[in-house]
Amino acid sequence: ALPVMPAFAQSRPLTCGELTEAQTEGPFFKTRTPLRAS
């Protein structure tokens, strides 16, 4: 009788209402990086 939680729910943040915290980019950011997922 308990509600079933979908598998993807584990990857959801605990509170979506809060923006992810910003941090410094540091001294090594470069523009025009290649499009690639690997």
ModelCIF file with pLDDT and N, C-alpha, C, O atoms, coordinates in Angstrom:
data_MODEL
#
_entry.id   MODEL 
#
_entity.id                         1 
_entity.type                       polymer 
_entity.pdbx_number_of_molecules   1 
#
_entity_poly.entity_id                      1 
_entity_poly.type                           'polypeptide(L)' 
_entity_poly.nstd_linkage                   no 
_entity_poly.nstd_monomer                   no 
_entity_poly.pdbx_seq_one_letter_code       ALPVMPAFAQSRPLTCGELTEAQTEGPFFKTRTPLRAS 
_entity_poly.pdbx_seq_one_letter_code_can   ALPVMPAFAQSRPLTCGELTEAQTEGPFFKTRTPLRAS 
_entity_poly.pdbx_strand_id                 A 
#
loop_
_entity_poly_seq.entity_id 
_entity_poly_seq.num 
_entity_poly_seq.mon_id 
_entity_poly_seq.hetero 
1 1  ALA n 
1 2  LEU n 
1 3  PRO n 
1 4  VAL n 
1 5  MET n 
1 6  PRO n 
1 7  ALA n 
1 8  PHE n 
1 9  ALA n 
1 10 GLN n 
1 11 SER n 
1 12 ARG n 
1 13 PRO n 
1 14 LEU n 
1 15 THR n 
1 16 CYS n 
1 17 GLY n 
1 18 GLU n 
1 19 LEU n 
1 20 THR n 
1 21 GLU n 
1 22 ALA n 
1 23 GLN n 
1 24 THR n 
1 25 GLU n 
1 26 GLY n 
1 27 PRO n 
1 28 PHE n 
1 29 PHE n 
1 30 LYS n 
1 31 THR n 
1 32 ARG n 
1 33 THR n 
1 34 PRO n 
1 35 LEU n 
1 36 ARG n 
1 37 ALA n 
1 38 SER n 
#
_struct_asym.id          A 
_struct_asym.entity_id   1 
#
loop_
_ma_qa_metric.id 
_ma_qa_metric.mode 
_ma_qa_metric.name 
_ma_qa_metric.software_group_id 
_ma_qa_metric.type 
1 global pLDDT . pLDDT 
2 local  pLDDT . pLDDT 
#
_ma_qa_metric_global.metric_id      1 
_ma_qa_metric_global.metric_value   73.82 
_ma_qa_metric_global.model_id       1 
_ma_qa_metric_global.ordinal_id     1 
#
loop_
_ma_qa_metric_local.label_asym_id 
_ma_qa_metric_local.label_comp_id 
_ma_qa_metric_local.label_seq_id 
_ma_qa_metric_local.metric_id 
_ma_qa_metric_local.metric_value 
_ma_qa_metric_local.model_id 
_ma_qa_metric_local.ordinal_id 
A ALA 1  2 41.00 1 1  
A LEU 2  2 40.00 1 2  
A PRO 3  2 39.00 1 3  
A VAL 4  2 36.00 1 4  
A MET 5  2 34.00 1 5  
A PRO 6  2 36.00 1 6  
A ALA 7  2 37.00 1 7  
A PHE 8  2 37.00 1 8  
A ALA 9  2 37.00 1 9  
A GLN 10 2 42.00 1 10 
A SER 11 2 44.00 1 11 
A ARG 12 2 43.00 1 12 
A PRO 13 2 44.00 1 13 
A LEU 14 2 49.00 1 14 
A THR 15 2 59.00 1 15 
A CYS 16 2 79.00 1 16 
A GLY 17 2 84.00 1 17 
A GLU 18 2 94.00 1 18 
A LEU 19 2 97.00 1 19 
A THR 20 2 98.00 1 20 
A GLU 21 2 98.00 1 21 
A ALA 22 2 98.00 1 22 
A GLN 23 2 98.00 1 23 
A THR 24 2 95.00 1 24 
A GLU 25 2 94.00 1 25 
A GLY 26 2 90.00 1 26 
A PRO 27 2 93.00 1 27 
A PHE 28 2 96.00 1 28 
A PHE 29 2 97.00 1 29 
A LYS 30 2 96.00 1 30 
A THR 31 2 96.00 1 31 
A ARG 32 2 97.00 1 32 
A THR 33 2 98.00 1 33 
A PRO 34 2 98.00 1 34 
A LEU 35 2 98.00 1 35 
A ARG 36 2 98.00 1 36 
A ALA 37 2 97.00 1 37 
A SER 38 2 98.00 1 38 
#
loop_
_atom_site.group_PDB 
_atom_site.id 
_atom_site.type_symbol 
_atom_site.label_atom_id 
_atom_site.label_alt_id 
_atom_site.label_comp_id 
_atom_site.label_asym_id 
_atom_site.label_entity_id 
_atom_site.label_seq_id 
_atom_site.pdbx_PDB_ins_code 
_atom_site.Cartn_x 
_atom_site.Cartn_y 
_atom_site.Cartn_z 
_atom_site.occupancy 
_atom_site.B_iso_or_equiv 
_atom_site.pdbx_formal_charge 
_atom_site.auth_seq_id 
_atom_site.auth_comp_id 
_atom_site.auth_asym_id 
_atom_site.auth_atom_id 
_atom_site.pdbx_PDB_model_num 
ATOM 1   N N  . ALA A 1 1  ? 0.808  -1.218 0.000   1.00 41.00 ? 1  ALA A N  1 
ATOM 2   C CA . ALA A 1 1  ? 0.000  0.000  0.000   1.00 41.00 ? 1  ALA A CA 1 
ATOM 3   C C  . ALA A 1 1  ? 0.842  1.270  0.000   1.00 41.00 ? 1  ALA A C  1 
ATOM 4   O O  . ALA A 1 1  ? 0.322  2.359  -0.245  1.00 41.00 ? 1  ALA A O  1 
ATOM 5   N N  . LEU A 1 2  ? 2.133  1.140  0.271   1.00 40.00 ? 2  LEU A N  1 
ATOM 6   C CA . LEU A 1 2  ? 3.013  2.320  0.288   1.00 40.00 ? 2  LEU A CA 1 
ATOM 7   C C  . LEU A 1 2  ? 3.168  2.878  -1.121  1.00 40.00 ? 2  LEU A C  1 
ATOM 8   O O  . LEU A 1 2  ? 3.145  2.130  -2.098  1.00 40.00 ? 2  LEU A O  1 
ATOM 9   N N  . PRO A 1 3  ? 3.328  4.203  -1.222  1.00 39.00 ? 3  PRO A N  1 
ATOM 10  C CA . PRO A 1 3  ? 3.526  4.775  -2.557  1.00 39.00 ? 3  PRO A CA 1 
ATOM 11  C C  . PRO A 1 3  ? 4.854  4.310  -3.148  1.00 39.00 ? 3  PRO A C  1 
ATOM 12  O O  . PRO A 1 3  ? 5.847  4.152  -2.438  1.00 39.00 ? 3  PRO A O  1 
ATOM 13  N N  . VAL A 1 4  ? 4.850  4.098  -4.444  1.00 36.00 ? 4  VAL A N  1 
ATOM 14  C CA . VAL A 1 4  ? 6.050  3.646  -5.136  1.00 36.00 ? 4  VAL A CA 1 
ATOM 15  C C  . VAL A 1 4  ? 6.774  4.866  -5.678  1.00 36.00 ? 4  VAL A C  1 
ATOM 16  O O  . VAL A 1 4  ? 6.174  5.699  -6.357  1.00 36.00 ? 4  VAL A O  1 
ATOM 17  N N  . MET A 1 5  ? 8.071  4.974  -5.380  1.00 34.00 ? 5  MET A N  1 
ATOM 18  C CA . MET A 1 5  ? 8.893  6.080  -5.845  1.00 34.00 ? 5  MET A CA 1 
ATOM 19  C C  . MET A 1 5  ? 9.569  5.653  -7.135  1.00 34.00 ? 5  MET A C  1 
ATOM 20  O O  . MET A 1 5  ? 10.253 4.630  -7.151  1.00 34.00 ? 5  MET A O  1 
ATOM 21  N N  . PRO A 1 6  ? 9.398  6.417  -8.235  1.00 36.00 ? 6  PRO A N  1 
ATOM 22  C CA . PRO A 1 6  ? 10.056 6.031  -9.474  1.00 36.00 ? 6  PRO A CA 1 
ATOM 23  C C  . PRO A 1 6  ? 11.568 6.045  -9.323  1.00 36.00 ? 6  PRO A C  1 
ATOM 24  O O  . PRO A 1 6  ? 12.109 6.783  -8.499  1.00 36.00 ? 6  PRO A O  1 
ATOM 25  N N  . ALA A 1 7  ? 12.251 5.229  -10.120 1.00 37.00 ? 7  ALA A N  1 
ATOM 26  C CA . ALA A 1 7  ? 13.709 5.099  -10.018 1.00 37.00 ? 7  ALA A CA 1 
ATOM 27  C C  . ALA A 1 7  ? 14.417 6.419  -10.240 1.00 37.00 ? 7  ALA A C  1 
ATOM 28  O O  . ALA A 1 7  ? 15.429 6.680  -9.590  1.00 37.00 ? 7  ALA A O  1 
ATOM 29  N N  . PHE A 1 8  ? 13.919 7.268  -11.141 1.00 37.00 ? 8  PHE A N  1 
ATOM 30  C CA . PHE A 1 8  ? 14.605 8.520  -11.426 1.00 37.00 ? 8  PHE A CA 1 
ATOM 31  C C  . PHE A 1 8  ? 14.492 9.515  -10.287 1.00 37.00 ? 8  PHE A C  1 
ATOM 32  O O  . PHE A 1 8  ? 15.224 10.505 -10.279 1.00 37.00 ? 8  PHE A O  1 
ATOM 33  N N  . ALA A 1 9  ? 13.613 9.297  -9.331  1.00 37.00 ? 9  ALA A N  1 
ATOM 34  C CA . ALA A 1 9  ? 13.424 10.251 -8.236  1.00 37.00 ? 9  ALA A CA 1 
ATOM 35  C C  . ALA A 1 9  ? 14.693 10.397 -7.414  1.00 37.00 ? 9  ALA A C  1 
ATOM 36  O O  . ALA A 1 9  ? 14.909 11.447 -6.810  1.00 37.00 ? 9  ALA A O  1 
ATOM 37  N N  . GLN A 1 10 ? 15.535 9.378  -7.373  1.00 42.00 ? 10 GLN A N  1 
ATOM 38  C CA . GLN A 1 10 ? 16.775 9.480  -6.616  1.00 42.00 ? 10 GLN A CA 1 
ATOM 39  C C  . GLN A 1 10 ? 17.710 10.517 -7.199  1.00 42.00 ? 10 GLN A C  1 
ATOM 40  O O  . GLN A 1 10 ? 18.537 11.061 -6.467  1.00 42.00 ? 10 GLN A O  1 
ATOM 41  N N  . SER A 1 11 ? 17.615 10.813 -8.469  1.00 44.00 ? 11 SER A N  1 
ATOM 42  C CA . SER A 1 11 ? 18.518 11.777 -9.070  1.00 44.00 ? 11 SER A CA 1 
ATOM 43  C C  . SER A 1 11 ? 17.978 13.205 -8.984  1.00 44.00 ? 11 SER A C  1 
ATOM 44  O O  . SER A 1 11 ? 18.646 14.140 -9.425  1.00 44.00 ? 11 SER A O  1 
ATOM 45  N N  . ARG A 1 12 ? 16.787 13.385 -8.427  1.00 43.00 ? 12 ARG A N  1 
ATOM 46  C CA . ARG A 1 12 ? 16.227 14.724 -8.265  1.00 43.00 ? 12 ARG A CA 1 
ATOM 47  C C  . ARG A 1 12 ? 16.857 15.389 -7.044  1.00 43.00 ? 12 ARG A C  1 
ATOM 48  O O  . ARG A 1 12 ? 17.132 14.716 -6.051  1.00 43.00 ? 12 ARG A O  1 
ATOM 49  N N  . PRO A 1 13 ? 17.089 16.706 -7.102  1.00 44.00 ? 13 PRO A N  1 
ATOM 50  C CA . PRO A 1 13 ? 17.586 17.383 -5.907  1.00 44.00 ? 13 PRO A CA 1 
ATOM 51  C C  . PRO A 1 13 ? 16.528 17.347 -4.804  1.00 44.00 ? 13 PRO A C  1 
ATOM 52  O O  . PRO A 1 13 ? 15.339 17.184 -5.077  1.00 44.00 ? 13 PRO A O  1 
ATOM 53  N N  . LEU A 1 14 ? 16.969 17.500 -3.569  1.00 49.00 ? 14 LEU A N  1 
ATOM 54  C CA . LEU A 1 14 ? 16.027 17.481 -2.465  1.00 49.00 ? 14 LEU A CA 1 
ATOM 55  C C  . LEU A 1 14 ? 15.045 18.640 -2.551  1.00 49.00 ? 14 LEU A C  1 
ATOM 56  O O  . LEU A 1 14 ? 13.861 18.469 -2.262  1.00 49.00 ? 14 LEU A O  1 
ATOM 57  N N  . THR A 1 15 ? 15.521 19.816 -2.944  1.00 59.00 ? 15 THR A N  1 
ATOM 58  C CA . THR A 1 15 ? 14.642 20.976 -3.078  1.00 59.00 ? 15 THR A CA 1 
ATOM 59  C C  . THR A 1 15 ? 14.952 21.675 -4.390  1.00 59.00 ? 15 THR A C  1 
ATOM 60  O O  . THR A 1 15 ? 15.992 22.319 -4.527  1.00 59.00 ? 15 THR A O  1 
ATOM 61  N N  . CYS A 1 16 ? 14.063 21.551 -5.340  1.00 79.00 ? 16 CYS A N  1 
ATOM 62  C CA . CYS A 1 16 ? 14.274 22.203 -6.633  1.00 79.00 ? 16 CYS A CA 1 
ATOM 63  C C  . CYS A 1 16 ? 14.141 23.712 -6.529  1.00 79.00 ? 16 CYS A C  1 
ATOM 64  O O  . CYS A 1 16 ? 14.666 24.429 -7.382  1.00 79.00 ? 16 CYS A O  1 
ATOM 65  N N  . GLY A 1 17 ? 13.450 24.220 -5.502  1.00 84.00 ? 17 GLY A N  1 
ATOM 66  C CA . GLY A 1 17 ? 13.242 25.651 -5.363  1.00 84.00 ? 17 GLY A CA 1 
ATOM 67  C C  . GLY A 1 17 ? 14.514 26.438 -5.125  1.00 84.00 ? 17 GLY A C  1 
ATOM 68  O O  . GLY A 1 17 ? 14.509 27.663 -5.245  1.00 84.00 ? 17 GLY A O  1 
ATOM 69  N N  . GLU A 1 18 ? 15.604 25.764 -4.789  1.00 94.00 ? 18 GLU A N  1 
ATOM 70  C CA . GLU A 1 18 ? 16.865 26.444 -4.497  1.00 94.00 ? 18 GLU A CA 1 
ATOM 71  C C  . GLU A 1 18 ? 17.821 26.296 -5.669  1.00 94.00 ? 18 GLU A C  1 
ATOM 72  O O  . GLU A 1 18 ? 18.073 25.189 -6.146  1.00 94.00 ? 18 GLU A O  1 
ATOM 73  N N  . LEU A 1 19 ? 18.346 27.417 -6.125  1.00 97.00 ? 19 LEU A N  1 
ATOM 74  C CA . LEU A 1 19 ? 19.320 27.399 -7.211  1.00 97.00 ? 19 LEU A CA 1 
ATOM 75  C C  . LEU A 1 19 ? 20.614 26.745 -6.739  1.00 97.00 ? 19 LEU A C  1 
ATOM 76  O O  . LEU A 1 19 ? 20.977 26.851 -5.568  1.00 97.00 ? 19 LEU A O  1 
ATOM 77  N N  . THR A 1 20 ? 21.295 26.081 -7.639  1.00 98.00 ? 20 THR A N  1 
ATOM 78  C CA . THR A 1 20 ? 22.603 25.514 -7.328  1.00 98.00 ? 20 THR A CA 1 
ATOM 79  C C  . THR A 1 20 ? 23.548 26.658 -6.980  1.00 98.00 ? 20 THR A C  1 
ATOM 80  O O  . THR A 1 20 ? 23.544 27.706 -7.624  1.00 98.00 ? 20 THR A O  1 
ATOM 81  N N  . GLU A 1 21 ? 24.350 26.436 -5.957  1.00 98.00 ? 21 GLU A N  1 
ATOM 82  C CA . GLU A 1 21 ? 25.267 27.463 -5.471  1.00 98.00 ? 21 GLU A CA 1 
ATOM 83  C C  . GLU A 1 21 ? 26.328 27.804 -6.517  1.00 98.00 ? 21 GLU A C  1 
ATOM 84  O O  . GLU A 1 21 ? 26.924 26.920 -7.133  1.00 98.00 ? 21 GLU A O  1 
ATOM 85  N N  . ALA A 1 22 ? 26.546 29.096 -6.698  1.00 98.00 ? 22 ALA A N  1 
ATOM 86  C CA . ALA A 1 22 ? 27.587 29.569 -7.617  1.00 98.00 ? 22 ALA A CA 1 
ATOM 87  C C  . ALA A 1 22 ? 28.941 29.552 -6.910  1.00 98.00 ? 22 ALA A C  1 
ATOM 88  O O  . ALA A 1 22 ? 29.027 29.719 -5.694  1.00 98.00 ? 22 ALA A O  1 
ATOM 89  N N  . GLN A 1 23 ? 29.992 29.347 -7.698  1.00 98.00 ? 23 GLN A N  1 
ATOM 90  C CA . GLN A 1 23 ? 31.360 29.422 -7.207  1.00 98.00 ? 23 GLN A CA 1 
ATOM 91  C C  . GLN A 1 23 ? 32.234 30.074 -8.266  1.00 98.00 ? 23 GLN A C  1 
ATOM 92  O O  . GLN A 1 23 ? 31.816 30.254 -9.410  1.00 98.00 ? 23 GLN A O  1 
ATOM 93  N N  . THR A 1 24 ? 33.434 30.419 -7.875  1.00 95.00 ? 24 THR A N  1 
ATOM 94  C CA . THR A 1 24 ? 34.382 31.050 -8.785  1.00 95.00 ? 24 THR A CA 1 
ATOM 95  C C  . THR A 1 24 ? 34.737 30.121 -9.942  1.00 95.00 ? 24 THR A C  1 
ATOM 96  O O  . THR A 1 24 ? 34.786 28.902 -9.779  1.00 95.00 ? 24 THR A O  1 
ATOM 97  N N  . GLU A 1 25 ? 34.983 30.704 -11.099 1.00 94.00 ? 25 GLU A N  1 
ATOM 98  C CA . GLU A 1 25 ? 35.421 29.872 -12.223 1.00 94.00 ? 25 GLU A CA 1 
ATOM 99  C C  . GLU A 1 25 ? 36.909 29.570 -12.127 1.00 94.00 ? 25 GLU A C  1 
ATOM 100 O O  . GLU A 1 25 ? 37.401 28.667 -12.803 1.00 94.00 ? 25 GLU A O  1 
ATOM 101 N N  . GLY A 1 26 ? 37.629 30.311 -11.299 1.00 90.00 ? 26 GLY A N  1 
ATOM 102 C CA . GLY A 1 26 ? 39.072 30.116 -11.175 1.00 90.00 ? 26 GLY A CA 1 
ATOM 103 C C  . GLY A 1 26 ? 39.796 30.767 -12.335 1.00 90.00 ? 26 GLY A C  1 
ATOM 104 O O  . GLY A 1 26 ? 39.161 31.340 -13.220 1.00 90.00 ? 26 GLY A O  1 
ATOM 105 N N  . PRO A 1 27 ? 41.116 30.688 -12.344 1.00 93.00 ? 27 PRO A N  1 
ATOM 106 C CA . PRO A 1 27 ? 41.901 31.391 -13.369 1.00 93.00 ? 27 PRO A CA 1 
ATOM 107 C C  . PRO A 1 27 ? 42.039 30.638 -14.692 1.00 93.00 ? 27 PRO A C  1 
ATOM 108 O O  . PRO A 1 27 ? 42.680 31.157 -15.607 1.00 93.00 ? 27 PRO A O  1 
ATOM 109 N N  . PHE A 1 28 ? 41.470 29.443 -14.834 1.00 96.00 ? 28 PHE A N  1 
ATOM 110 C CA . PHE A 1 28 ? 41.789 28.611 -15.989 1.00 96.00 ? 28 PHE A CA 1 
ATOM 111 C C  . PHE A 1 28 ? 40.643 28.382 -16.965 1.00 96.00 ? 28 PHE A C  1 
ATOM 112 O O  . PHE A 1 28 ? 40.747 27.497 -17.815 1.00 96.00 ? 28 PHE A O  1 
ATOM 113 N N  . PHE A 1 29 ? 39.552 29.144 -16.880 1.00 97.00 ? 29 PHE A N  1 
ATOM 114 C CA . PHE A 1 29 ? 38.450 28.991 -17.826 1.00 97.00 ? 29 PHE A CA 1 
ATOM 115 C C  . PHE A 1 29 ? 38.893 29.448 -19.217 1.00 97.00 ? 29 PHE A C  1 
ATOM 116 O O  . PHE A 1 29 ? 39.618 30.433 -19.358 1.00 97.00 ? 29 PHE A O  1 
ATOM 117 N N  . LYS A 1 30 ? 38.445 28.715 -20.243 1.00 96.00 ? 30 LYS A N  1 
ATOM 118 C CA . LYS A 1 30 ? 38.710 29.080 -21.638 1.00 96.00 ? 30 LYS A CA 1 
ATOM 119 C C  . LYS A 1 30 ? 37.399 29.083 -22.405 1.00 96.00 ? 30 LYS A C  1 
ATOM 120 O O  . LYS A 1 30 ? 36.533 28.239 -22.176 1.00 96.00 ? 30 LYS A O  1 
ATOM 121 N N  . THR A 1 31 ? 37.261 30.021 -23.301 1.00 96.00 ? 31 THR A N  1 
ATOM 122 C CA . THR A 1 31 ? 36.088 30.059 -24.172 1.00 96.00 ? 31 THR A CA 1 
ATOM 123 C C  . THR A 1 31 ? 36.329 29.168 -25.388 1.00 96.00 ? 31 THR A C  1 
ATOM 124 O O  . THR A 1 31 ? 37.437 28.680 -25.613 1.00 96.00 ? 31 THR A O  1 
ATOM 125 N N  . ARG A 1 32 ? 35.280 28.973 -26.154 1.00 97.00 ? 32 ARG A N  1 
ATOM 126 C CA . ARG A 1 32 ? 35.328 28.223 -27.413 1.00 97.00 ? 32 ARG A CA 1 
ATOM 127 C C  . ARG A 1 32 ? 35.833 26.786 -27.254 1.00 97.00 ? 32 ARG A C  1 
ATOM 128 O O  . ARG A 1 32 ? 36.626 26.297 -28.058 1.00 97.00 ? 32 ARG A O  1 
ATOM 129 N N  . THR A 1 33 ? 35.353 26.125 -26.198 1.00 98.00 ? 33 THR A N  1 
ATOM 130 C CA . THR A 1 33 ? 35.717 24.723 -26.002 1.00 98.00 ? 33 THR A CA 1 
ATOM 131 C C  . THR A 1 33 ? 35.011 23.870 -27.054 1.00 98.00 ? 33 THR A C  1 
ATOM 132 O O  . THR A 1 33 ? 33.983 24.278 -27.593 1.00 98.00 ? 33 THR A O  1 
ATOM 133 N N  . PRO A 1 34 ? 35.549 22.704 -27.345 1.00 98.00 ? 34 PRO A N  1 
ATOM 134 C CA . PRO A 1 34 ? 34.895 21.843 -28.345 1.00 98.00 ? 34 PRO A CA 1 
ATOM 135 C C  . PRO A 1 34 ? 33.599 21.242 -27.804 1.00 98.00 ? 34 PRO A C  1 
ATOM 136 O O  . PRO A 1 34 ? 33.454 20.999 -26.606 1.00 98.00 ? 34 PRO A O  1 
ATOM 137 N N  . LEU A 1 35 ? 32.666 21.012 -28.721 1.00 98.00 ? 35 LEU A N  1 
ATOM 138 C CA . LEU A 1 35 ? 31.415 20.326 -28.401 1.00 98.00 ? 35 LEU A CA 1 
ATOM 139 C C  . LEU A 1 35 ? 31.721 18.840 -28.293 1.00 98.00 ? 35 LEU A C  1 
ATOM 140 O O  . LEU A 1 35 ? 32.026 18.186 -29.291 1.00 98.00 ? 35 LEU A O  1 
ATOM 141 N N  . ARG A 1 36 ? 31.639 18.305 -27.067 1.00 98.00 ? 36 ARG A N  1 
ATOM 142 C CA . ARG A 1 36 ? 31.890 16.878 -26.854 1.00 98.00 ? 36 ARG A CA 1 
ATOM 143 C C  . ARG A 1 36 ? 31.447 16.480 -25.453 1.00 98.00 ? 36 ARG A C  1 
ATOM 144 O O  . ARG A 1 36 ? 31.591 17.248 -24.501 1.00 98.00 ? 36 ARG A O  1 
ATOM 145 N N  . ALA A 1 37 ? 30.915 15.295 -25.341 1.00 97.00 ? 37 ALA A N  1 
ATOM 146 C CA . ALA A 1 37 ? 30.449 14.773 -24.057 1.00 97.00 ? 37 ALA A CA 1 
ATOM 147 C C  . ALA A 1 37 ? 31.499 13.881 -23.407 1.00 97.00 ? 37 ALA A C  1 
ATOM 148 O O  . ALA A 1 37 ? 31.314 13.440 -22.273 1.00 97.00 ? 37 ALA A O  1 
ATOM 149 N N  . SER A 1 38 ? 32.596 13.610 -24.106 1.00 98.00 ? 38 SER A N  1 
ATOM 150 C CA . SER A 1 38 ? 33.663 12.792 -23.553 1.00 98.00 ? 38 SER A CA 1 
ATOM 151 C C  . SER A 1 38 ? 34.961 13.591 -23.485 1.00 98.00 ? 38 SER A C  1 
ATOM 152 O O  . SER A 1 38 ? 35.985 13.069 -23.044 1.00 98.00 ? 38 SER A O  1 
#
